[in-house]
Amino acid sequence: MAHPTVSVVIAAFNGAEFIATQLDSILAQSIAVTEIVVCDDNSTDETWNILREYQRKNPEIFRIFRNEKNLGCAGNFERGLSFCSGDVIFLADQDDIWLADKV
C-alpha cells in the first residue's frame, strides 16, 4: 500500500540561525516528505538566501514564497497552507528539529 503524500508547511521569519537544521531534519524523515512549502514573512536576515539554496539543491520538493509584507505567524501559516497539495499536512516551526520517525 502506498503512503499518502505528505506536505510540510514552515512559516519562516528571521530564522537563519535555525532553519537549516530544521530543514535537514525534515529531509531525513524515515517516510519521505513529498513537498516542503516555506513562506518567508519578509525576513531581514539570511533566511531567504538559505531557502533559495535548499530549493536549488532539492527543486522537486521545495516550494518557497516570500511575502511582500509581514503577515504575522498565523497569516503566514495560512498562506503556506494554501500552496499545499499533500494528503497529509504537517505544520512546522522554523526552529524545531524533528525526530526521524515524526512523519
PDB file of N, CA and C in Angstrom:
ATOM      1  N   MET A   1       0.831  -1.175   0.000  1.00  0.00           N
ATOM      2  CA  MET A   1       0.000   0.000   0.000  1.00  0.00           C
ATOM      3  C   MET A   1       0.880   1.244   0.000  1.00  0.00           C
ATOM      4  N   ALA A   2       0.591   2.184  -0.853  1.00  0.00           N
ATOM      5  CA  ALA A   2       1.384   3.399  -0.963  1.00  0.00           C
ATOM      6  C   ALA A   2       1.100   4.336   0.205  1.00  0.00           C
ATOM      7  N   HIS A   3       2.129   5.044   0.605  1.00  0.00           N
ATOM      8  CA  HIS A   3       1.967   6.061   1.642  1.00  0.00           C
ATOM      9  C   HIS A   3       1.237   7.265   1.062  1.00  0.00           C
ATOM     10  N   PRO A   4       0.486   7.964   1.894  1.00  0.00           N
ATOM     11  CA  PRO A   4      -0.130   9.202   1.420  1.00  0.00           C
ATOM     12  C   PRO A   4       0.953  10.247   1.129  1.00  0.00           C
ATOM     13  N   THR A   5       0.636  11.211   0.283  1.00  0.00           N
ATOM     14  CA  THR A   5       1.588  12.292   0.048  1.00  0.00           C
ATOM     15  C   THR A   5       1.604  13.197   1.269  1.00  0.00           C
ATOM     16  N   VAL A   6       2.786  13.715   1.581  1.00  0.00           N
ATOM     17  CA  VAL A   6       2.981  14.484   2.802  1.00  0.00           C
ATOM     18  C   VAL A   6       3.549  15.857   2.463  1.00  0.00           C
ATOM     19  N   SER A   7       2.855  16.879   2.926  1.00  0.00           N
ATOM     20  CA  SER A   7       3.337  18.256   2.816  1.00  0.00           C
ATOM     21  C   SER A   7       3.748  18.747   4.198  1.00  0.00           C
ATOM     22  N   VAL A   8       4.775  19.581   4.221  1.00  0.00           N
ATOM     23  CA  VAL A   8       5.180  20.267   5.445  1.00  0.00           C
ATOM     24  C   VAL A   8       5.156  21.754   5.143  1.00  0.00           C
ATOM     25  N   VAL A   9       4.530  22.523   6.025  1.00  0.00           N
ATOM     26  CA  VAL A   9       4.485  23.977   5.893  1.00  0.00           C
ATOM     27  C   VAL A   9       5.328  24.583   7.008  1.00  0.00           C
ATOM     28  N   ILE A  10       6.210  25.478   6.615  1.00  0.00           N
ATOM     29  CA  ILE A  10       7.007  26.226   7.584  1.00  0.00           C
ATOM     30  C   ILE A  10       6.727  27.702   7.370  1.00  0.00           C
ATOM     31  N   ALA A  11       6.390  28.379   8.449  1.00  0.00           N
ATOM     32  CA  ALA A  11       6.246  29.831   8.439  1.00  0.00           C
ATOM     33  C   ALA A  11       7.557  30.394   8.977  1.00  0.00           C
ATOM     34  N   ALA A  12       8.331  31.010   8.105  1.00  0.00           N
ATOM     35  CA  ALA A  12       9.666  31.479   8.487  1.00  0.00           C
ATOM     36  C   ALA A  12       9.695  32.995   8.642  1.00  0.00           C
ATOM     37  N   PHE A  13      10.472  33.433   9.620  1.00  0.00           N
ATOM     38  CA  PHE A  13      10.740  34.859   9.787  1.00  0.00           C
ATOM     39  C   PHE A  13      12.039  35.020  10.579  1.00  0.00           C
ATOM     40  N   ASN A  14      13.028  35.592   9.939  1.00  0.00           N
ATOM     41  CA  ASN A  14      14.333  35.825  10.564  1.00  0.00           C
ATOM     42  C   ASN A  14      14.836  34.585  11.309  1.00  0.00           C
ATOM     43  N   GLY A  15      14.785  33.452  10.623  1.00  0.00           N
ATOM     44  CA  GLY A  15      15.164  32.180  11.233  1.00  0.00           C
ATOM     45  C   GLY A  15      16.481  31.620  10.738  1.00  0.00           C
ATOM     46  N   ALA A  16      17.353  32.459  10.218  1.00  0.00           N
ATOM     47  CA  ALA A  16      18.599  31.974   9.616  1.00  0.00           C
ATOM     48  C   ALA A  16      19.427  31.122  10.571  1.00  0.00           C
ATOM     49  N   GLU A  17      19.374  31.424  11.839  1.00  0.00           N
ATOM     50  CA  GLU A  17      20.176  30.690  12.821  1.00  0.00           C
ATOM     51  C   GLU A  17      19.739  29.235  12.969  1.00  0.00           C
ATOM     52  N   PHE A  18      18.460  28.949  12.702  1.00  0.00           N
ATOM     53  CA  PHE A  18      17.896  27.639  12.999  1.00  0.00           C
ATOM     54  C   PHE A  18      17.388  26.853  11.795  1.00  0.00           C
ATOM     55  N   ILE A  19      16.989  27.524  10.743  1.00  0.00           N
ATOM     56  CA  ILE A  19      16.149  26.893   9.719  1.00  0.00           C
ATOM     57  C   ILE A  19      16.838  25.752   8.979  1.00  0.00           C
ATOM     58  N   ALA A  20      18.133  25.828   8.750  1.00  0.00           N
ATOM     59  CA  ALA A  20      18.821  24.749   8.033  1.00  0.00           C
ATOM     60  C   ALA A  20      18.742  23.435   8.815  1.00  0.00           C
ATOM     61  N   THR A  21      18.911  23.509  10.124  1.00  0.00           N
ATOM     62  CA  THR A  21      18.822  22.301  10.951  1.00  0.00           C
ATOM     63  C   THR A  21      17.424  21.706  10.877  1.00  0.00           C
ATOM     64  N   GLN A  22      16.406  22.545  10.901  1.00  0.00           N
ATOM     65  CA  GLN A  22      15.026  22.066  10.784  1.00  0.00           C
ATOM     66  C   GLN A  22      14.788  21.434   9.413  1.00  0.00           C
ATOM     67  N   LEU A  23      15.228  22.105   8.352  1.00  0.00           N
ATOM     68  CA  LEU A  23      15.024  21.552   7.011  1.00  0.00           C
ATOM     69  C   LEU A  23      15.741  20.214   6.857  1.00  0.00           C
ATOM     70  N   ASP A  24      16.937  20.103   7.372  1.00  0.00           N
ATOM     71  CA  ASP A  24      17.670  18.830   7.305  1.00  0.00           C
ATOM     72  C   ASP A  24      16.917  17.725   8.036  1.00  0.00           C
ATOM     73  N   SER A  25      16.325  18.042   9.178  1.00  0.00           N
ATOM     74  CA  SER A  25      15.591  17.014   9.929  1.00  0.00           C
ATOM     75  C   SER A  25      14.332  16.584   9.185  1.00  0.00           C
ATOM     76  N   ILE A  26      13.709  17.482   8.443  1.00  0.00           N
ATOM     77  CA  ILE A  26      12.534  17.114   7.649  1.00  0.00           C
ATOM     78  C   ILE A  26      12.947  16.265   6.450  1.00  0.00           C
ATOM     79  N   LEU A  27      14.045  16.612   5.827  1.00  0.00           N
ATOM     80  CA  LEU A  27      14.537  15.822   4.688  1.00  0.00           C
ATOM     81  C   LEU A  27      14.983  14.423   5.102  1.00  0.00           C
ATOM     82  N   ALA A  28      15.313  14.235   6.360  1.00  0.00           N
ATOM     83  CA  ALA A  28      15.815  12.945   6.853  1.00  0.00           C
ATOM     84  C   ALA A  28      14.717  12.046   7.417  1.00  0.00           C
ATOM     85  N   GLN A  29      13.461  12.337   7.167  1.00  0.00           N
ATOM     86  CA  GLN A  29      12.369  11.532   7.703  1.00  0.00           C
ATOM     87  C   GLN A  29      12.401  10.106   7.155  1.00  0.00           C
ATOM     88  N   SER A  30      12.012   9.149   7.988  1.00  0.00           N
ATOM     89  CA  SER A  30      12.003   7.743   7.566  1.00  0.00           C
ATOM     90  C   SER A  30      10.942   7.491   6.492  1.00  0.00           C
ATOM     91  N   ILE A  31       9.885   8.271   6.476  1.00  0.00           N
ATOM     92  CA  ILE A  31       8.904   8.273   5.388  1.00  0.00           C
ATOM     93  C   ILE A  31       9.102   9.593   4.661  1.00  0.00           C
ATOM     94  N   ALA A  32       9.374   9.529   3.396  1.00  0.00           N
ATOM     95  CA  ALA A  32       9.732  10.733   2.644  1.00  0.00           C
ATOM     96  C   ALA A  32       8.604  11.752   2.607  1.00  0.00           C
ATOM     97  N   VAL A  33       8.982  12.996   2.763  1.00  0.00           N
ATOM     98  CA  VAL A  33       8.066  14.119   2.631  1.00  0.00           C
ATOM     99  C   VAL A  33       7.957  14.456   1.148  1.00  0.00           C
ATOM    100  N   THR A  34       6.746  14.671   0.673  1.00  0.00           N
ATOM    101  CA  THR A  34       6.501  14.940  -0.743  1.00  0.00           C
ATOM    102  C   THR A  34       6.840  16.372  -1.121  1.00  0.00           C
ATOM    103  N   GLU A  35       6.474  17.317  -0.255  1.00  0.00           N
ATOM    104  CA  GLU A  35       6.782  18.712  -0.529  1.00  0.00           C
ATOM    105  C   GLU A  35       7.008  19.462   0.776  1.00  0.00           C
ATOM    106  N   ILE A  36       7.890  20.436   0.695  1.00  0.00           N
ATOM    107  CA  ILE A  36       8.131  21.356   1.795  1.00  0.00           C
ATOM    108  C   ILE A  36       7.803  22.748   1.266  1.00  0.00           C
ATOM    109  N   VAL A  37       6.790  23.358   1.870  1.00  0.00           N
ATOM    110  CA  VAL A  37       6.355  24.695   1.489  1.00  0.00           C
ATOM    111  C   VAL A  37       6.811  25.652   2.584  1.00  0.00           C
ATOM    112  N   VAL A  38       7.605  26.626   2.201  1.00  0.00           N
ATOM    113  CA  VAL A  38       8.076  27.607   3.169  1.00  0.00           C
ATOM    114  C   VAL A  38       7.643  28.985   2.720  1.00  0.00           C
ATOM    115  N   CYS A  39       6.954  29.684   3.615  1.00  0.00           N
ATOM    116  CA  CYS A  39       6.614  31.088   3.371  1.00  0.00           C
ATOM    117  C   CYS A  39       7.489  31.933   4.278  1.00  0.00           C
ATOM    118  N   ASP A  40       8.315  32.752   3.651  1.00  0.00           N
ATOM    119  CA  ASP A  40       9.166  33.668   4.390  1.00  0.00           C
ATOM    120  C   ASP A  40       8.399  34.975   4.578  1.00  0.00           C
ATOM    121  N   ASP A  41       8.296  35.410   5.823  1.00  0.00           N
ATOM    122  CA  ASP A  41       7.480  36.570   6.163  1.00  0.00           C
ATOM    123  C   ASP A  41       8.281  37.869   6.097  1.00  0.00           C
ATOM    124  N   ASN A  42       8.987  38.039   4.960  1.00  0.00           N
ATOM    125  CA  ASN A  42       9.756  39.254   4.698  1.00  0.00           C
ATOM    126  C   ASN A  42      10.915  39.406   5.681  1.00  0.00           C
ATOM    127  N   SER A  43      11.677  38.322   5.849  1.00  0.00           N
ATOM    128  CA  SER A  43      12.830  38.325   6.752  1.00  0.00           C
ATOM    129  C   SER A  43      13.864  39.361   6.333  1.00  0.00           C
ATOM    130  N   THR A  44      14.606  39.842   7.326  1.00  0.00           N
ATOM    131  CA  THR A  44      15.680  40.797   7.070  1.00  0.00           C
ATOM    132  C   THR A  44      17.057  40.191   7.308  1.00  0.00           C
ATOM    133  N   ASP A  45      17.110  38.911   7.649  1.00  0.00           N
ATOM    134  CA  ASP A  45      18.385  38.226   7.819  1.00  0.00           C
ATOM    135  C   ASP A  45      18.644  37.335   6.595  1.00  0.00           C
ATOM    136  N   GLU A  46      19.412  36.291   6.729  1.00  0.00           N
ATOM    137  CA  GLU A  46      19.787  35.425   5.601  1.00  0.00           C
ATOM    138  C   GLU A  46      18.797  34.291   5.330  1.00  0.00           C
ATOM    139  N   THR A  47      17.648  34.287   5.983  1.00  0.00           N
ATOM    140  CA  THR A  47      16.665  33.212   5.818  1.00  0.00           C
ATOM    141  C   THR A  47      16.331  32.961   4.348  1.00  0.00           C
ATOM    142  N   TRP A  48      16.023  34.001   3.606  1.00  0.00           N
ATOM    143  CA  TRP A  48      15.618  33.835   2.210  1.00  0.00           C
ATOM    144  C   TRP A  48      16.730  33.196   1.384  1.00  0.00           C
ATOM    145  N   ASN A  49      17.964  33.591   1.602  1.00  0.00           N
ATOM    146  CA  ASN A  49      19.093  33.012   0.857  1.00  0.00           C
ATOM    147  C   ASN A  49      19.271  31.540   1.190  1.00  0.00           C
ATOM    148  N   ILE A  50      19.081  31.177   2.438  1.00  0.00           N
ATOM    149  CA  ILE A  50      19.170  29.770   2.850  1.00  0.00           C
ATOM    150  C   ILE A  50      18.072  28.969   2.152  1.00  0.00           C
ATOM    151  N   LEU A  51      16.872  29.498   2.140  1.00  0.00           N
ATOM    152  CA  LEU A  51      15.755  28.810   1.485  1.00  0.00           C
ATOM    153  C   LEU A  51      16.009  28.628  -0.006  1.00  0.00           C
ATOM    154  N   ARG A  52      16.521  29.645  -0.640  1.00  0.00           N
ATOM    155  CA  ARG A  52      16.826  29.546  -2.074  1.00  0.00           C
ATOM    156  C   ARG A  52      17.862  28.461  -2.347  1.00  0.00           C
ATOM    157  N   GLU A  53      18.841  28.315  -1.478  1.00  0.00           N
ATOM    158  CA  GLU A  53      19.860  27.270  -1.655  1.00  0.00           C
ATOM    159  C   GLU A  53      19.241  25.876  -1.500  1.00  0.00           C
ATOM    160  N   TYR A  54      18.376  25.685  -0.508  1.00  0.00           N
ATOM    161  CA  TYR A  54      17.695  24.392  -0.346  1.00  0.00           C
ATOM    162  C   TYR A  54      16.825  24.090  -1.561  1.00  0.00           C
ATOM    163  N   GLN A  55      16.145  25.093  -2.075  1.00  0.00           N
ATOM    164  CA  GLN A  55      15.316  24.875  -3.264  1.00  0.00           C
ATOM    165  C   GLN A  55      16.191  24.523  -4.466  1.00  0.00           C
ATOM    166  N   ARG A  56      17.333  25.167  -4.597  1.00  0.00           N
ATOM    167  CA  ARG A  56      18.235  24.869  -5.710  1.00  0.00           C
ATOM    168  C   ARG A  56      18.713  23.418  -5.641  1.00  0.00           C
ATOM    169  N   LYS A  57      19.019  22.938  -4.442  1.00  0.00           N
ATOM    170  CA  LYS A  57      19.519  21.567  -4.263  1.00  0.00           C
ATOM    171  C   LYS A  57      18.411  20.522  -4.332  1.00  0.00           C
ATOM    172  N   ASN A  58      17.186  20.908  -4.037  1.00  0.00           N
ATOM    173  CA  ASN A  58      16.050  19.966  -3.966  1.00  0.00           C
ATOM    174  C   ASN A  58      14.822  20.561  -4.664  1.00  0.00           C
ATOM    175  N   PRO A  59      14.916  20.874  -5.954  1.00  0.00           N
ATOM    176  CA  PRO A  59      13.806  21.576  -6.621  1.00  0.00           C
ATOM    177  C   PRO A  59      12.519  20.761  -6.706  1.00  0.00           C
ATOM    178  N   GLU A  60      12.617  19.454  -6.628  1.00  0.00           N
ATOM    179  CA  GLU A  60      11.435  18.615  -6.744  1.00  0.00           C
ATOM    180  C   GLU A  60      10.577  18.628  -5.479  1.00  0.00           C
ATOM    181  N   ILE A  61      11.122  19.097  -4.369  1.00  0.00           N
ATOM    182  CA  ILE A  61      10.404  19.028  -3.101  1.00  0.00           C
ATOM    183  C   ILE A  61      10.147  20.400  -2.487  1.00  0.00           C
ATOM    184  N   PHE A  62      11.020  21.369  -2.736  1.00  0.00           N
ATOM    185  CA  PHE A  62      10.903  22.681  -2.096  1.00  0.00           C
ATOM    186  C   PHE A  62      10.090  23.661  -2.928  1.00  0.00           C
ATOM    187  N   ARG A  63       9.136  24.298  -2.252  1.00  0.00           N
ATOM    188  CA  ARG A  63       8.375  25.406  -2.831  1.00  0.00           C
ATOM    189  C   ARG A  63       8.496  26.549  -1.837  1.00  0.00           C
ATOM    190  N   ILE A  64       9.132  27.640  -2.251  1.00  0.00           N
ATOM    191  CA  ILE A  64       9.341  28.754  -1.336  1.00  0.00           C
ATOM    192  C   ILE A  64       8.644  30.009  -1.864  1.00  0.00           C
ATOM    193  N   PHE A  65       8.141  30.785  -0.925  1.00  0.00           N
ATOM    194  CA  PHE A  65       7.403  32.001  -1.244  1.00  0.00           C
ATOM    195  C   PHE A  65       7.851  33.081  -0.273  1.00  0.00           C
ATOM    196  N   ARG A  66       7.978  34.298  -0.768  1.00  0.00           N
ATOM    197  CA  ARG A  66       8.381  35.423   0.079  1.00  0.00           C
ATOM    198  C   ARG A  66       7.251  36.441   0.095  1.00  0.00           C
ATOM    199  N   ASN A  67       6.765  36.741   1.289  1.00  0.00           N
ATOM    200  CA  ASN A  67       5.705  37.727   1.441  1.00  0.00           C
ATOM    201  C   ASN A  67       6.263  39.124   1.209  1.00  0.00           C
ATOM    202  N   GLU A  68       5.491  39.948   0.503  1.00  0.00           N
ATOM    203  CA  GLU A  68       5.905  41.327   0.264  1.00  0.00           C
ATOM    204  C   GLU A  68       5.817  42.167   1.524  1.00  0.00           C
ATOM    205  N   LYS A  69       4.884  41.804   2.404  1.00  0.00           N
ATOM    206  CA  LYS A  69       4.784  42.477   3.695  1.00  0.00           C
ATOM    207  C   LYS A  69       4.593  41.412   4.766  1.00  0.00           C
ATOM    208  N   ASN A  70       4.914  41.752   5.982  1.00  0.00           N
ATOM    209  CA  ASN A  70       4.835  40.815   7.092  1.00  0.00           C
ATOM    210  C   ASN A  70       3.374  40.504   7.403  1.00  0.00           C
ATOM    211  N   LEU A  71       3.030  39.201   7.379  1.00  0.00           N
ATOM    212  CA  LEU A  71       1.662  38.752   7.645  1.00  0.00           C
ATOM    213  C   LEU A  71       1.457  38.293   9.082  1.00  0.00           C
ATOM    214  N   GLY A  72       2.526  38.130   9.830  1.00  0.00           N
ATOM    215  CA  GLY A  72       2.432  37.568  11.170  1.00  0.00           C
ATOM    216  C   GLY A  72       2.375  36.054  11.097  1.00  0.00           C
ATOM    217  N   CYS A  73       2.544  35.416  12.219  1.00  0.00           N
ATOM    218  CA  CYS A  73       2.645  33.950  12.269  1.00  0.00           C
ATOM    219  C   CYS A  73       1.413  33.263  11.687  1.00  0.00           C
ATOM    220  N   ALA A  74       0.225  33.607  12.163  1.00  0.00           N
ATOM    221  CA  ALA A  74      -0.990  32.932  11.701  1.00  0.00           C
ATOM    222  C   ALA A  74      -1.231  33.180  10.210  1.00  0.00           C
ATOM    223  N   GLY A  75      -1.096  34.416   9.776  1.00  0.00           N
ATOM    224  CA  GLY A  75      -1.300  34.739   8.365  1.00  0.00           C
ATOM    225  C   GLY A  75      -0.288  34.053   7.466  1.00  0.00           C
ATOM    226  N   ASN A  76       0.927  33.940   7.967  1.00  0.00           N
ATOM    227  CA  ASN A  76       1.973  33.285   7.185  1.00  0.00           C
ATOM    228  C   ASN A  76       1.695  31.788   7.048  1.00  0.00           C
ATOM    229  N   PHE A  77       1.266  31.135   8.123  1.00  0.00           N
ATOM    230  CA  PHE A  77       0.890  29.719   8.030  1.00  0.00           C
ATOM    231  C   PHE A  77      -0.308  29.536   7.095  1.00  0.00           C
ATOM    232  N   GLU A  78      -1.299  30.412   7.189  1.00  0.00           N
ATOM    233  CA  GLU A  78      -2.458  30.315   6.297  1.00  0.00           C
ATOM    234  C   GLU A  78      -2.026  30.393   4.839  1.00  0.00           C
ATOM    235  N   ARG A  79      -1.130  31.312   4.535  1.00  0.00           N
ATOM    236  CA  ARG A  79      -0.643  31.430   3.157  1.00  0.00           C
ATOM    237  C   ARG A  79       0.064  30.147   2.736  1.00  0.00           C
ATOM    238  N   GLY A  80       0.918  29.611   3.593  1.00  0.00           N
ATOM    239  CA  GLY A  80       1.626  28.373   3.280  1.00  0.00           C
ATOM    240  C   GLY A  80       0.676  27.213   3.033  1.00  0.00           C
ATOM    241  N   LEU A  81      -0.349  27.102   3.859  1.00  0.00           N
ATOM    242  CA  LEU A  81      -1.332  26.031   3.688  1.00  0.00           C
ATOM    243  C   LEU A  81      -2.022  26.110   2.332  1.00  0.00           C
ATOM    244  N   SER A  82      -2.205  27.313   1.827  1.00  0.00           N
ATOM    245  CA  SER A  82      -2.900  27.467   0.548  1.00  0.00           C
ATOM    246  C   SER A  82      -2.098  26.907  -0.627  1.00  0.00           C
ATOM    247  N   PHE A  83      -0.814  26.671  -0.445  1.00  0.00           N
ATOM    248  CA  PHE A  83       0.033  26.151  -1.517  1.00  0.00           C
ATOM    249  C   PHE A  83       0.243  24.640  -1.436  1.00  0.00           C
ATOM    250  N   CYS A  84      -0.267  23.991  -0.406  1.00  0.00           N
ATOM    251  CA  CYS A  84      -0.001  22.563  -0.190  1.00  0.00           C
ATOM    252  C   CYS A  84      -0.868  21.674  -1.078  1.00  0.00           C
ATOM    253  N   SER A  85      -0.287  20.536  -1.462  1.00  0.00           N
ATOM    254  CA  SER A  85      -1.029  19.577  -2.273  1.00  0.00           C
ATOM    255  C   SER A  85      -1.052  18.181  -1.645  1.00  0.00           C
ATOM    256  N   GLY A  86      -0.436  17.983  -0.492  1.00  0.00           N
ATOM    257  CA  GLY A  86      -0.336  16.664   0.119  1.00  0.00           C
ATOM    258  C   GLY A  86      -1.640  16.171   0.725  1.00  0.00           C
ATOM    259  N   ASP A  87      -1.737  14.847   0.858  1.00  0.00           N
ATOM    260  CA  ASP A  87      -2.876  14.229   1.538  1.00  0.00           C
ATOM    261  C   ASP A  87      -2.853  14.541   3.033  1.00  0.00           C
ATOM    262  N   VAL A  88      -1.648  14.643   3.578  1.00  0.00           N
ATOM    263  CA  VAL A  88      -1.420  14.937   4.987  1.00  0.00           C
ATOM    264  C   VAL A  88      -0.533  16.169   5.045  1.00  0.00           C
ATOM    265  N   ILE A  89      -0.874  17.100   5.941  1.00  0.00           N
ATOM    266  CA  ILE A  89      -0.092  18.335   6.061  1.00  0.00           C
ATOM    267  C   ILE A  89       0.388  18.490   7.497  1.00  0.00           C
ATOM    268  N   PHE A  90       1.690  18.673   7.642  1.00  0.00           N
ATOM    269  CA  PHE A  90       2.304  18.966   8.930  1.00  0.00           C
ATOM    270  C   PHE A  90       2.659  20.443   8.973  1.00  0.00           C
ATOM    271  N   LEU A  91       2.455  21.067  10.123  1.00  0.00           N
ATOM    272  CA  LEU A  91       2.929  22.425  10.350  1.00  0.00           C
ATOM    273  C   LEU A  91       4.227  22.336  11.143  1.00  0.00           C
ATOM    274  N   ALA A  92       5.194  23.163  10.773  1.00  0.00           N
ATOM    275  CA  ALA A  92       6.493  23.117  11.438  1.00  0.00           C
ATOM    276  C   ALA A  92       6.984  24.520  11.728  1.00  0.00           C
ATOM    277  N   ASP A  93       7.512  24.706  12.919  1.00  0.00           N
ATOM    278  CA  ASP A  93       8.191  25.952  13.240  1.00  0.00           C
ATOM    279  C   ASP A  93       9.595  25.902  12.673  1.00  0.00           C
ATOM    280  N   GLN A  94      10.158  27.055  12.408  1.00  0.00           N
ATOM    281  CA  GLN A  94      11.476  27.128  11.792  1.00  0.00           C
ATOM    282  C   GLN A  94      12.601  26.686  12.729  1.00  0.00           C
ATOM    283  N   ASP A  95      12.348  26.658  14.021  1.00  0.00           N
ATOM    284  CA  ASP A  95      13.411  26.322  14.969  1.00  0.00           C
ATOM    285  C   ASP A  95      13.212  24.971  15.657  1.00  0.00           C
ATOM    286  N   ASP A  96      12.385  24.115  15.079  1.00  0.00           N
ATOM    287  CA  ASP A  96      12.214  22.747  15.587  1.00  0.00           C
ATOM    288  C   ASP A  96      13.294  21.850  14.985  1.00  0.00           C
ATOM    289  N   ILE A  97      13.455  20.698  15.580  1.00  0.00           N
ATOM    290  CA  ILE A  97      14.237  19.609  14.984  1.00  0.00           C
ATOM    291  C   ILE A  97      13.373  18.371  15.135  1.00  0.00           C
ATOM    292  N   TRP A  98      13.046  17.749  13.996  1.00  0.00           N
ATOM    293  CA  TRP A  98      12.174  16.585  14.027  1.00  0.00           C
ATOM    294  C   TRP A  98      12.973  15.303  14.215  1.00  0.00           C
ATOM    295  N   LEU A  99      12.448  14.413  15.036  1.00  0.00           N
ATOM    296  CA  LEU A  99      12.994  13.065  15.120  1.00  0.00           C
ATOM    297  C   LEU A  99      12.695  12.371  13.791  1.00  0.00           C
ATOM    298  N   ALA A 100      13.506  11.399  13.422  1.00  0.00           N
ATOM    299  CA  ALA A 100      13.427  10.781  12.092  1.00  0.00           C
ATOM    300  C   ALA A 100      12.104  10.080  11.808  1.00  0.00           C
ATOM    301  N   ASP A 101      11.359   9.721  12.853  1.00  0.00           N
ATOM    302  CA  ASP A 101      10.104   8.998  12.651  1.00  0.00           C
ATOM    303  C   ASP A 101       8.858   9.858  12.900  1.00  0.00           C
ATOM    304  N   LYS A 102       8.989  11.168  12.886  1.00  0.00           N
ATOM    305  CA  LYS A 102       7.832  12.045  13.130  1.00  0.00           C
ATOM    306  C   LYS A 102       6.741  11.825  12.093  1.00  0.00           C
ATOM    307  N   VAL A 103       7.113  11.729  10.817  1.00  0.00           N
ATOM    308  CA  VAL A 103       6.116  11.523   9.766  1.00  0.00           C
ATOM    309  C   VAL A 103       5.615  10.090   9.817  1.00  0.00           C
TER     310      VAL A 103
END
